[in-house]
């Protein structure tokens, strides 16, 4: 429902990024959340996913990086637009 990723979308969320050391996709999420809020979306589901299904028996790790596993909490705690716009964030 949010617009396609772009430099403009990326820049729209920069004010809410608490750390410049996170990866680009995590930074881009801030722009997408801002975009959804500006479109009037009233419910956003963004789950914390600490691990995935182990798809290949030869792989010994199926845990996501800590950003994927916990970044929704960063969004919830750092993006005041969620509360300002009355958005339910799950």
Protein backbone atom coordinates (compact mmCIF):
# COMPACT_ATOMS: atom_id res chain seq x y z
CA UNK A 1 0.00 0.00 0.00
CA UNK A 2 2.94 2.32 0.41
CA UNK A 3 4.58 3.88 -2.62
CA UNK A 4 7.49 2.22 -4.39
CA UNK A 5 10.86 2.72 -2.73
CA UNK A 6 12.61 5.83 -3.96
CA UNK A 7 15.04 8.48 -2.79
CA UNK A 8 12.12 10.75 -1.92
CA UNK A 9 10.44 8.02 0.13
CA UNK A 10 13.73 7.22 1.86
CA UNK A 11 14.29 10.87 2.75
CA UNK A 12 10.78 11.23 4.18
CA UNK A 13 11.65 8.89 7.06
CA UNK A 14 15.15 10.09 7.91
CA UNK A 15 14.06 12.19 10.89
CA UNK A 16 12.91 9.08 12.75
CA UNK A 17 15.99 6.90 12.39
CA UNK A 18 17.65 6.61 15.81
CA UNK A 19 20.93 5.18 14.50
CA UNK A 20 22.81 5.66 11.25
CA UNK A 21 24.51 2.28 11.68
CA UNK A 22 21.48 0.21 10.61
CA UNK A 23 21.23 -1.23 7.11
CA UNK A 24 19.62 0.55 4.18
CA UNK A 25 16.45 -1.62 4.12
CA UNK A 26 15.80 -0.84 7.79
CA UNK A 27 16.24 2.87 7.08
CA UNK A 28 13.86 2.61 4.11
CA UNK A 29 11.14 1.17 6.36
CA UNK A 30 10.88 4.53 8.13
CA UNK A 31 9.92 6.16 4.84
CA UNK A 32 7.35 3.46 4.08
CA UNK A 33 5.74 3.83 7.51
CA UNK A 34 5.63 7.62 7.07
CA UNK A 35 4.07 7.15 3.64
CA UNK A 36 1.39 4.83 5.02
CA UNK A 37 0.61 7.27 7.82
CA UNK A 38 0.28 10.16 5.37
CA UNK A 39 -2.13 8.07 3.27
CA UNK A 40 -4.46 7.71 6.25
CA UNK A 41 -3.83 4.03 7.00
CA UNK A 42 -5.16 3.28 10.48
CA UNK A 43 -3.64 -0.18 11.11
CA UNK A 44 -0.11 -1.39 10.40
CA UNK A 45 0.96 -4.97 11.06
CA UNK A 46 4.75 -5.27 11.20
CA UNK A 47 5.80 -8.42 13.07
CA UNK A 48 9.08 -9.09 14.83
CA UNK A 49 10.53 -12.19 13.14
CA UNK A 50 13.53 -13.56 15.04
CA UNK A 51 13.88 -16.73 12.96
CA UNK A 52 12.59 -18.37 9.80
CA UNK A 53 11.79 -21.95 8.90
CA UNK A 54 14.96 -23.96 8.36
CA UNK A 55 14.60 -24.62 4.62
CA UNK A 56 17.79 -26.60 3.95
CA UNK A 57 19.18 -29.30 6.21
CA UNK A 58 22.76 -28.35 5.27
CA UNK A 59 22.32 -24.81 6.65
CA UNK A 60 22.97 -24.50 10.34
CA UNK A 61 21.42 -21.07 10.88
CA UNK A 62 17.87 -19.95 10.30
CA UNK A 63 17.83 -16.92 12.59
CA UNK A 64 17.35 -13.45 11.13
CA UNK A 65 19.71 -10.60 11.86
CA UNK A 66 18.83 -8.59 14.95
CA UNK A 67 17.45 -5.75 12.81
CA UNK A 68 14.89 -7.96 11.06
CA UNK A 69 14.00 -9.58 14.35
CA UNK A 70 13.44 -6.42 16.33
CA UNK A 71 13.11 -3.35 14.08
CA UNK A 72 9.33 -3.15 14.44
CA UNK A 73 9.95 -2.25 18.09
CA UNK A 74 12.29 0.55 16.98
CA UNK A 75 9.54 1.84 14.68
CA UNK A 76 6.94 1.66 17.45
CA UNK A 77 9.12 3.56 19.91
CA UNK A 78 10.62 6.19 17.57
CA UNK A 79 7.93 7.19 15.11
CA UNK A 80 5.64 9.66 16.84
CA UNK A 81 3.54 9.91 13.66
CA UNK A 82 1.91 6.62 14.67
CA UNK A 83 0.43 8.14 17.81
CA UNK A 84 -0.19 11.54 16.20
CA UNK A 85 -2.29 9.96 13.44
CA UNK A 86 -4.00 7.45 15.75
CA UNK A 87 -2.53 4.45 13.95
CA UNK A 88 -2.81 1.05 15.59
CA UNK A 89 0.62 -0.56 15.22
CA UNK A 90 0.74 -4.32 15.66
